[in-house]
């Protein structure tokens, strides 16, 4: 399936990458590796992850406290947010 990122999801990724990289050089790249792994899982089996709220599905990222929120629309998976789970749930997409 095709994949599309919203502006919010791209901003979330950039902000998290920058933060992890500032904590320890190379950690940002490890974060991106875990995100890419989860995105491949989503693309392979998009229906596997449960609907969390509204029509958003939620996939938890290994090793880092993040979730990927996405929807399945026609033949496209839309990634809406790469959400830091330490934030308030009021900030869900």
PDB file of N, CA and C in Angstrom:
ATOM      1  N   UNK A   1       0.831  -1.187   0.000  1.00  0.00           N
ATOM      2  CA  UNK A   1       0.000   0.000   0.000  1.00  0.00           C
ATOM      3  C   UNK A   1       0.874   1.248   0.000  1.00  0.00           C
ATOM      4  N   UNK A   2       0.375   2.279  -0.646  1.00  0.00           N
ATOM      5  CA  UNK A   2       1.085   3.551  -0.638  1.00  0.00           C
ATOM      6  C   UNK A   2       1.002   4.176   0.742  1.00  0.00           C
ATOM      7  N   UNK A   3       1.935   5.072   0.996  1.00  0.00           N
ATOM      8  CA  UNK A   3       2.034   5.718   2.302  1.00  0.00           C
ATOM      9  C   UNK A   3       2.110   7.222   2.102  1.00  0.00           C
ATOM     10  N   UNK A   4       1.397   7.955   2.942  1.00  0.00           N
ATOM     11  CA  UNK A   4       1.449   9.417   2.884  1.00  0.00           C
ATOM     12  C   UNK A   4       1.572   9.956   4.305  1.00  0.00           C
ATOM     13  N   UNK A   5       2.452  10.918   4.492  1.00  0.00           N
ATOM     14  CA  UNK A   5       2.640  11.571   5.787  1.00  0.00           C
ATOM     15  C   UNK A   5       1.920  12.911   5.769  1.00  0.00           C
ATOM     16  N   UNK A   6       1.235  13.238   6.847  1.00  0.00           N
ATOM     17  CA  UNK A   6       0.689  14.587   6.983  1.00  0.00           C
ATOM     18  C   UNK A   6       1.824  15.510   7.431  1.00  0.00           C
ATOM     19  N   UNK A   7       1.588  16.805   7.312  1.00  0.00           N
ATOM     20  CA  UNK A   7       2.580  17.772   7.780  1.00  0.00           C
ATOM     21  C   UNK A   7       2.843  17.590   9.268  1.00  0.00           C
ATOM     22  N   UNK A   8       1.790  17.286  10.024  1.00  0.00           N
ATOM     23  CA  UNK A   8       1.975  17.082  11.465  1.00  0.00           C
ATOM     24  C   UNK A   8       2.911  15.907  11.728  1.00  0.00           C
ATOM     25  N   UNK A   9       2.703  14.795  11.036  1.00  0.00           N
ATOM     26  CA  UNK A   9       3.544  13.612  11.256  1.00  0.00           C
ATOM     27  C   UNK A   9       5.003  13.909  10.909  1.00  0.00           C
ATOM     28  N   UNK A  10       5.228  14.623   9.819  1.00  0.00           N
ATOM     29  CA  UNK A  10       6.604  14.975   9.443  1.00  0.00           C
ATOM     30  C   UNK A  10       7.233  15.894  10.491  1.00  0.00           C
ATOM     31  N   UNK A  11       6.456  16.847  11.000  1.00  0.00           N
ATOM     32  CA  UNK A  11       6.958  17.731  12.051  1.00  0.00           C
ATOM     33  C   UNK A  11       7.265  16.978  13.335  1.00  0.00           C
ATOM     34  N   UNK A  12       6.390  16.030  13.681  1.00  0.00           N
ATOM     35  CA  UNK A  12       6.617  15.201  14.868  1.00  0.00           C
ATOM     36  C   UNK A  12       7.927  14.433  14.740  1.00  0.00           C
ATOM     37  N   UNK A  13       8.142  13.840  13.580  1.00  0.00           N
ATOM     38  CA  UNK A  13       9.371  13.066  13.346  1.00  0.00           C
ATOM     39  C   UNK A  13      10.611  13.937  13.452  1.00  0.00           C
ATOM     40  N   UNK A  14      10.557  15.093  12.830  1.00  0.00           N
ATOM     41  CA  UNK A  14      11.710  15.991  12.854  1.00  0.00           C
ATOM     42  C   UNK A  14      12.032  16.451  14.273  1.00  0.00           C
ATOM     43  N   UNK A  15      10.993  16.819  15.024  1.00  0.00           N
ATOM     44  CA  UNK A  15      11.201  17.295  16.386  1.00  0.00           C
ATOM     45  C   UNK A  15      11.784  16.189  17.275  1.00  0.00           C
ATOM     46  N   UNK A  16      11.233  14.977  17.165  1.00  0.00           N
ATOM     47  CA  UNK A  16      11.717  13.866  17.987  1.00  0.00           C
ATOM     48  C   UNK A  16      13.147  13.488  17.597  1.00  0.00           C
ATOM     49  N   UNK A  17      13.420  13.441  16.298  1.00  0.00           N
ATOM     50  CA  UNK A  17      14.770  13.129  15.848  1.00  0.00           C
ATOM     51  C   UNK A  17      15.770  14.135  16.408  1.00  0.00           C
ATOM     52  N   UNK A  18      15.461  15.412  16.278  1.00  0.00           N
ATOM     53  CA  UNK A  18      16.363  16.465  16.768  1.00  0.00           C
ATOM     54  C   UNK A  18      16.605  16.331  18.270  1.00  0.00           C
ATOM     55  N   UNK A  19      15.535  16.045  19.022  1.00  0.00           N
ATOM     56  CA  UNK A  19      15.675  15.937  20.470  1.00  0.00           C
ATOM     57  C   UNK A  19      16.575  14.751  20.849  1.00  0.00           C
ATOM     58  N   UNK A  20      16.297  13.579  20.255  1.00  0.00           N
ATOM     59  CA  UNK A  20      17.105  12.403  20.574  1.00  0.00           C
ATOM     60  C   UNK A  20      18.555  12.593  20.143  1.00  0.00           C
ATOM     61  N   UNK A  21      18.752  13.219  19.006  1.00  0.00           N
ATOM     62  CA  UNK A  21      20.109  13.434  18.516  1.00  0.00           C
ATOM     63  C   UNK A  21      20.864  14.399  19.431  1.00  0.00           C
ATOM     64  N   UNK A  22      20.148  15.360  20.017  1.00  0.00           N
ATOM     65  CA  UNK A  22      20.801  16.303  20.934  1.00  0.00           C
ATOM     66  C   UNK A  22      21.148  15.651  22.266  1.00  0.00           C
ATOM     67  N   UNK A  23      20.443  14.582  22.619  1.00  0.00           N
ATOM     68  CA  UNK A  23      20.722  13.870  23.865  1.00  0.00           C
ATOM     69  C   UNK A  23      21.966  13.004  23.749  1.00  0.00           C
ATOM     70  N   UNK A  24      22.098  12.364  22.580  1.00  0.00           N
ATOM     71  CA  UNK A  24      23.235  11.475  22.351  1.00  0.00           C
ATOM     72  C   UNK A  24      23.389  11.283  20.844  1.00  0.00           C
ATOM     73  N   UNK A  25      24.519  11.689  20.266  1.00  0.00           N
ATOM     74  CA  UNK A  25      24.703  11.539  18.822  1.00  0.00           C
ATOM     75  C   UNK A  25      24.487  10.093  18.371  1.00  0.00           C
ATOM     76  N   UNK A  26      23.657   9.931  17.364  1.00  0.00           N
ATOM     77  CA  UNK A  26      23.326   8.605  16.842  1.00  0.00           C
ATOM     78  C   UNK A  26      22.006   8.077  17.361  1.00  0.00           C
ATOM     79  N   UNK A  27      21.523   8.605  18.490  1.00  0.00           N
ATOM     80  CA  UNK A  27      20.262   8.125  19.051  1.00  0.00           C
ATOM     81  C   UNK A  27      19.082   8.508  18.159  1.00  0.00           C
ATOM     82  N   UNK A  28      19.183   9.656  17.511  1.00  0.00           N
ATOM     83  CA  UNK A  28      18.128  10.059  16.578  1.00  0.00           C
ATOM     84  C   UNK A  28      17.998   9.076  15.430  1.00  0.00           C
ATOM     85  N   UNK A  29      19.121   8.575  14.939  1.00  0.00           N
ATOM     86  CA  UNK A  29      19.089   7.590  13.858  1.00  0.00           C
ATOM     87  C   UNK A  29      18.500   6.264  14.337  1.00  0.00           C
ATOM     88  N   UNK A  30      18.797   5.889  15.572  1.00  0.00           N
ATOM     89  CA  UNK A  30      18.198   4.675  16.134  1.00  0.00           C
ATOM     90  C   UNK A  30      16.677   4.834  16.251  1.00  0.00           C
ATOM     91  N   UNK A  31      16.248   6.031  16.652  1.00  0.00           N
ATOM     92  CA  UNK A  31      14.813   6.329  16.713  1.00  0.00           C
ATOM     93  C   UNK A  31      14.187   6.153  15.332  1.00  0.00           C
ATOM     94  N   UNK A  32      14.809   6.741  14.312  1.00  0.00           N
ATOM     95  CA  UNK A  32      14.265   6.626  12.949  1.00  0.00           C
ATOM     96  C   UNK A  32      14.231   5.179  12.479  1.00  0.00           C
ATOM     97  N   UNK A  33      15.228   4.380  12.852  1.00  0.00           N
ATOM     98  CA  UNK A  33      15.218   2.957  12.486  1.00  0.00           C
ATOM     99  C   UNK A  33      14.000   2.250  13.069  1.00  0.00           C
ATOM    100  N   UNK A  34      13.680   2.547  14.331  1.00  0.00           N
ATOM    101  CA  UNK A  34      12.512   1.925  14.973  1.00  0.00           C
ATOM    102  C   UNK A  34      11.214   2.402  14.318  1.00  0.00           C
ATOM    103  N   UNK A  35      11.163   3.670  13.948  1.00  0.00           N
ATOM    104  CA  UNK A  35       9.982   4.207  13.259  1.00  0.00           C
ATOM    105  C   UNK A  35       9.821   3.510  11.905  1.00  0.00           C
ATOM    106  N   UNK A  36      10.901   3.392  11.143  1.00  0.00           N
ATOM    107  CA  UNK A  36      10.844   2.738   9.833  1.00  0.00           C
ATOM    108  C   UNK A  36      10.407   1.285   9.946  1.00  0.00           C
ATOM    109  N   UNK A  37      10.897   0.598  10.971  1.00  0.00           N
ATOM    110  CA  UNK A  37      10.499  -0.796  11.186  1.00  0.00           C
ATOM    111  C   UNK A  37       8.991  -0.893  11.413  1.00  0.00           C
ATOM    112  N   UNK A  38       8.463  -0.003  12.250  1.00  0.00           N
ATOM    113  CA  UNK A  38       7.031  -0.028  12.543  1.00  0.00           C
ATOM    114  C   UNK A  38       6.211   0.340  11.313  1.00  0.00           C
ATOM    115  N   UNK A  39       6.696   1.293  10.524  1.00  0.00           N
ATOM    116  CA  UNK A  39       5.980   1.678   9.313  1.00  0.00           C
ATOM    117  C   UNK A  39       5.934   0.510   8.320  1.00  0.00           C
ATOM    118  N   UNK A  40       7.008  -0.240   8.205  1.00  0.00           N
ATOM    119  CA  UNK A  40       6.999  -1.430   7.339  1.00  0.00           C
ATOM    120  C   UNK A  40       5.955  -2.437   7.825  1.00  0.00           C
ATOM    121  N   UNK A  41       5.874  -2.614   9.150  1.00  0.00           N
ATOM    122  CA  UNK A  41       4.854  -3.518   9.710  1.00  0.00           C
ATOM    123  C   UNK A  41       3.447  -3.027   9.370  1.00  0.00           C
ATOM    124  N   UNK A  42       3.241  -1.722   9.499  1.00  0.00           N
ATOM    125  CA  UNK A  42       1.931  -1.144   9.176  1.00  0.00           C
ATOM    126  C   UNK A  42       1.604  -1.376   7.710  1.00  0.00           C
ATOM    127  N   UNK A  43       2.562  -1.148   6.829  1.00  0.00           N
ATOM    128  CA  UNK A  43       2.324  -1.336   5.403  1.00  0.00           C
ATOM    129  C   UNK A  43       2.024  -2.797   5.070  1.00  0.00           C
ATOM    130  N   UNK A  44       2.706  -3.716   5.729  1.00  0.00           N
ATOM    131  CA  UNK A  44       2.495  -5.135   5.463  1.00  0.00           C
ATOM    132  C   UNK A  44       1.126  -5.608   5.946  1.00  0.00           C
ATOM    133  N   UNK A  45       0.723  -5.161   7.129  1.00  0.00           N
ATOM    134  CA  UNK A  45      -0.533  -5.616   7.738  1.00  0.00           C
ATOM    135  C   UNK A  45      -1.268  -4.434   8.379  1.00  0.00           C
ATOM    136  N   UNK A  46      -1.816  -3.540   7.575  1.00  0.00           N
ATOM    137  CA  UNK A  46      -2.403  -2.312   8.129  1.00  0.00           C
ATOM    138  C   UNK A  46      -3.599  -2.548   9.059  1.00  0.00           C
ATOM    139  N   UNK A  47      -4.316  -3.640   8.864  1.00  0.00           N
ATOM    140  CA  UNK A  47      -5.498  -3.916   9.699  1.00  0.00           C
ATOM    141  C   UNK A  47      -5.140  -4.500  11.064  1.00  0.00           C
ATOM    142  N   UNK A  48      -3.867  -4.875  11.263  1.00  0.00           N
ATOM    143  CA  UNK A  48      -3.433  -5.542  12.491  1.00  0.00           C
ATOM    144  C   UNK A  48      -3.580  -4.664  13.724  1.00  0.00           C
ATOM    145  N   UNK A  49      -3.292  -3.398  13.579  1.00  0.00           N
ATOM    146  CA  UNK A  49      -3.279  -2.503  14.734  1.00  0.00           C
ATOM    147  C   UNK A  49      -4.684  -2.002  15.026  1.00  0.00           C
ATOM    148  N   UNK A  50      -5.038  -1.918  16.312  1.00  0.00           N
ATOM    149  CA  UNK A  50      -6.419  -1.589  16.673  1.00  0.00           C
ATOM    150  C   UNK A  50      -6.768  -0.116  16.448  1.00  0.00           C
ATOM    151  N   UNK A  51      -8.062   0.085  16.223  1.00  0.00           N
ATOM    152  CA  UNK A  51      -8.586   1.452  16.191  1.00  0.00           C
ATOM    153  C   UNK A  51      -8.530   1.953  17.624  1.00  0.00           C
ATOM    154  N   UNK A  52      -7.905   3.090  17.811  1.00  0.00           N
ATOM    155  CA  UNK A  52      -7.673   3.607  19.162  1.00  0.00           C
ATOM    156  C   UNK A  52      -8.723   4.629  19.567  1.00  0.00           C
ATOM    157  N   UNK A  53      -8.991   5.567  18.700  1.00  0.00           N
ATOM    158  CA  UNK A  53     -10.070   6.532  18.920  1.00  0.00           C
ATOM    159  C   UNK A  53     -10.485   7.086  17.570  1.00  0.00           C
ATOM    160  N   UNK A  54     -11.756   7.440  17.449  1.00  0.00           N
ATOM    161  CA  UNK A  54     -12.244   7.881  16.151  1.00  0.00           C
ATOM    162  C   UNK A  54     -11.962   6.799  15.128  1.00  0.00           C
ATOM    163  N   UNK A  55     -11.370   7.174  14.021  1.00  0.00           N
ATOM    164  CA  UNK A  55     -10.998   6.182  13.012  1.00  0.00           C
ATOM    165  C   UNK A  55      -9.482   6.000  12.928  1.00  0.00           C
ATOM    166  N   UNK A  56      -8.759   6.492  13.941  1.00  0.00           N
ATOM    167  CA  UNK A  56      -7.300   6.385  13.959  1.00  0.00           C
ATOM    168  C   UNK A  56      -6.859   5.050  14.545  1.00  0.00           C
ATOM    169  N   UNK A  57      -5.974   4.386  13.838  1.00  0.00           N
ATOM    170  CA  UNK A  57      -5.328   3.184  14.356  1.00  0.00           C
ATOM    171  C   UNK A  57      -4.039   3.618  15.038  1.00  0.00           C
ATOM    172  N   UNK A  58      -3.610   2.814  16.007  1.00  0.00           N
ATOM    173  CA  UNK A  58      -2.424   3.166  16.789  1.00  0.00           C
ATOM    174  C   UNK A  58      -1.446   1.998  16.808  1.00  0.00           C
ATOM    175  N   UNK A  59      -0.200   2.283  16.431  1.00  0.00           N
ATOM    176  CA  UNK A  59       0.863   1.277  16.472  1.00  0.00           C
ATOM    177  C   UNK A  59       1.951   1.786  17.407  1.00  0.00           C
ATOM    178  N   UNK A  60       2.247   1.015  18.438  1.00  0.00           N
ATOM    179  CA  UNK A  60       3.292   1.390  19.393  1.00  0.00           C
ATOM    180  C   UNK A  60       4.667   1.104  18.809  1.00  0.00           C
ATOM    181  N   UNK A  61       5.586   2.022  19.021  1.00  0.00           N
ATOM    182  CA  UNK A  61       6.942   1.905  18.503  1.00  0.00           C
ATOM    183  C   UNK A  61       7.809   1.190  19.532  1.00  0.00           C
ATOM    184  N   UNK A  62       8.620   0.249  19.047  1.00  0.00           N
ATOM    185  CA  UNK A  62       9.520  -0.500  19.916  1.00  0.00           C
ATOM    186  C   UNK A  62      10.607   0.436  20.455  1.00  0.00           C
ATOM    187  N   UNK A  63      10.931   0.290  21.716  1.00  0.00           N
ATOM    188  CA  UNK A  63      12.063   0.921  22.399  1.00  0.00           C
ATOM    189  C   UNK A  63      11.860   2.386  22.760  1.00  0.00           C
ATOM    190  N   UNK A  64      11.086   3.120  22.007  1.00  0.00           N
ATOM    191  CA  UNK A  64      10.872   4.538  22.269  1.00  0.00           C
ATOM    192  C   UNK A  64       9.408   4.764  22.635  1.00  0.00           C
ATOM    193  N   UNK A  65       9.130   5.748  23.502  1.00  0.00           N
ATOM    194  CA  UNK A  65       7.754   5.959  23.975  1.00  0.00           C
ATOM    195  C   UNK A  65       6.904   6.741  22.969  1.00  0.00           C
ATOM    196  N   UNK A  66       6.729   6.172  21.786  1.00  0.00           N
ATOM    197  CA  UNK A  66       5.976   6.828  20.718  1.00  0.00           C
ATOM    198  C   UNK A  66       4.949   5.880  20.127  1.00  0.00           C
ATOM    199  N   UNK A  67       3.897   6.478  19.587  1.00  0.00           N
ATOM    200  CA  UNK A  67       2.873   5.759  18.840  1.00  0.00           C
ATOM    201  C   UNK A  67       2.743   6.404  17.473  1.00  0.00           C
ATOM    202  N   UNK A  68       2.422   5.586  16.489  1.00  0.00           N
ATOM    203  CA  UNK A  68       2.115   6.099  15.163  1.00  0.00           C
ATOM    204  C   UNK A  68       0.609   5.998  14.984  1.00  0.00           C
ATOM    205  N   UNK A  69      -0.025   7.133  14.718  1.00  0.00           N
ATOM    206  CA  UNK A  69      -1.459   7.169  14.457  1.00  0.00           C
ATOM    207  C   UNK A  69      -1.672   7.266  12.954  1.00  0.00           C
ATOM    208  N   UNK A  70      -2.524   6.394  12.429  1.00  0.00           N
ATOM    209  CA  UNK A  70      -2.745   6.367  10.986  1.00  0.00           C
ATOM    210  C   UNK A  70      -4.173   5.959  10.669  1.00  0.00           C
ATOM    211  N   UNK A  71      -4.556   6.242   9.424  1.00  0.00           N
ATOM    212  CA  UNK A  71      -5.837   5.785   8.899  1.00  0.00           C
ATOM    213  C   UNK A  71      -5.574   5.053   7.586  1.00  0.00           C
ATOM    214  N   UNK A  72      -6.524   4.232   7.217  1.00  0.00           N
ATOM    215  CA  UNK A  72      -6.466   3.522   5.945  1.00  0.00           C
ATOM    216  C   UNK A  72      -7.550   4.138   5.066  1.00  0.00           C
ATOM    217  N   UNK A  73      -7.117   4.757   3.978  1.00  0.00           N
ATOM    218  CA  UNK A  73      -8.045   5.458   3.090  1.00  0.00           C
ATOM    219  C   UNK A  73      -7.841   4.952   1.668  1.00  0.00           C
ATOM    220  N   UNK A  74      -8.860   4.227   1.146  1.00  0.00           N
ATOM    221  CA  UNK A  74      -8.760   3.642  -0.192  1.00  0.00           C
ATOM    222  C   UNK A  74      -7.500   2.784  -0.276  1.00  0.00           C
ATOM    223  N   UNK A  75      -6.560   3.145  -1.121  1.00  0.00           N
ATOM    224  CA  UNK A  75      -5.317   2.386  -1.291  1.00  0.00           C
ATOM    225  C   UNK A  75      -4.121   3.108  -0.691  1.00  0.00           C
ATOM    226  N   UNK A  76      -4.377   3.975   0.295  1.00  0.00           N
ATOM    227  CA  UNK A  76      -3.319   4.789   0.902  1.00  0.00           C
ATOM    228  C   UNK A  76      -3.394   4.678   2.421  1.00  0.00           C
ATOM    229  N   UNK A  77      -2.237   4.515   3.043  1.00  0.00           N
ATOM    230  CA  UNK A  77      -2.141   4.604   4.496  1.00  0.00           C
ATOM    231  C   UNK A  77      -1.663   6.019   4.795  1.00  0.00           C
ATOM    232  N   UNK A  78      -2.431   6.740   5.587  1.00  0.00           N
ATOM    233  CA  UNK A  78      -2.084   8.118   5.928  1.00  0.00           C
ATOM    234  C   UNK A  78      -1.583   8.149   7.363  1.00  0.00           C
ATOM    235  N   UNK A  79      -0.314   8.548   7.542  1.00  0.00           N
ATOM    236  CA  UNK A  79       0.259   8.704   8.875  1.00  0.00           C
ATOM    237  C   UNK A  79      -0.049  10.116   9.348  1.00  0.00           C
ATOM    238  N   UNK A  80      -0.841  10.201  10.410  1.00  0.00           N
ATOM    239  CA  UNK A  80      -1.307  11.494  10.910  1.00  0.00           C
ATOM    240  C   UNK A  80      -0.410  12.068  11.997  1.00  0.00           C
ATOM    241  N   UNK A  81       0.214  11.207  12.795  1.00  0.00           N
ATOM    242  CA  UNK A  81       1.037  11.695  13.901  1.00  0.00           C
ATOM    243  C   UNK A  81       2.017  10.622  14.340  1.00  0.00           C
ATOM    244  N   UNK A  82       3.180  11.074  14.761  1.00  0.00           N
ATOM    245  CA  UNK A  82       4.149  10.246  15.473  1.00  0.00           C
ATOM    246  C   UNK A  82       4.147  10.850  16.870  1.00  0.00           C
ATOM    247  N   UNK A  83       3.343  10.256  17.727  1.00  0.00           N
ATOM    248  CA  UNK A  83       2.947  10.865  18.991  1.00  0.00           C
ATOM    249  C   UNK A  83       3.838  10.421  20.147  1.00  0.00           C
ATOM    250  N   UNK A  84       4.350  11.380  20.880  1.00  0.00           N
ATOM    251  CA  UNK A  84       5.128  11.112  22.084  1.00  0.00           C
ATOM    252  C   UNK A  84       4.141  10.735  23.186  1.00  0.00           C
ATOM    253  N   UNK A  85       4.191   9.492  23.647  1.00  0.00           N
ATOM    254  CA  UNK A  85       3.218   8.990  24.621  1.00  0.00           C
ATOM    255  C   UNK A  85       3.324   9.664  25.980  1.00  0.00           C
ATOM    256  N   UNK A  86       4.348  10.476  26.194  1.00  0.00           N
ATOM    257  CA  UNK A  86       4.473  11.196  27.465  1.00  0.00           C
ATOM    258  C   UNK A  86       3.628  12.463  27.469  1.00  0.00           C
ATOM    259  N   UNK A  87       3.033  12.799  26.332  1.00  0.00           N
ATOM    260  CA  UNK A  87       2.152  13.964  26.247  1.00  0.00           C
ATOM    261  C   UNK A  87       0.763  13.603  26.759  1.00  0.00           C
ATOM    262  N   UNK A  88      -0.025  14.622  26.995  1.00  0.00           N
ATOM    263  CA  UNK A  88      -1.406  14.411  27.398  1.00  0.00           C
ATOM    264  C   UNK A  88      -2.194  13.806  26.239  1.00  0.00           C
ATOM    265  N   UNK A  89      -3.079  12.851  26.529  1.00  0.00           N
ATOM    266  CA  UNK A  89      -3.932  12.285  25.493  1.00  0.00           C
ATOM    267  C   UNK A  89      -4.829  13.333  24.829  1.00  0.00           C
ATOM    268  N   UNK A  90      -4.979  14.478  25.458  1.00  0.00           N
ATOM    269  CA  UNK A  90      -5.766  15.561  24.843  1.00  0.00           C
ATOM    270  C   UNK A  90      -5.137  16.031  23.533  1.00  0.00           C
ATOM    271  N   UNK A  91      -3.873  15.693  23.316  1.00  0.00           N
ATOM    272  CA  UNK A  91      -3.159  16.144  22.119  1.00  0.00           C
ATOM    273  C   UNK A  91      -3.176  15.101  20.993  1.00  0.00           C
ATOM    274  N   UNK A  92      -3.931  13.995  21.184  1.00  0.00           N
ATOM    275  CA  UNK A  92      -4.044  13.016  20.121  1.00  0.00           C
ATOM    276  C   UNK A  92      -4.508  13.702  18.839  1.00  0.00           C
ATOM    277  N   UNK A  93      -4.180  13.115  17.706  1.00  0.00           N
ATOM    278  CA  UNK A  93      -4.627  13.725  16.431  1.00  0.00           C
ATOM    279  C   UNK A  93      -6.135  13.709  16.300  1.00  0.00           C
TER     280      UNK A  93
END
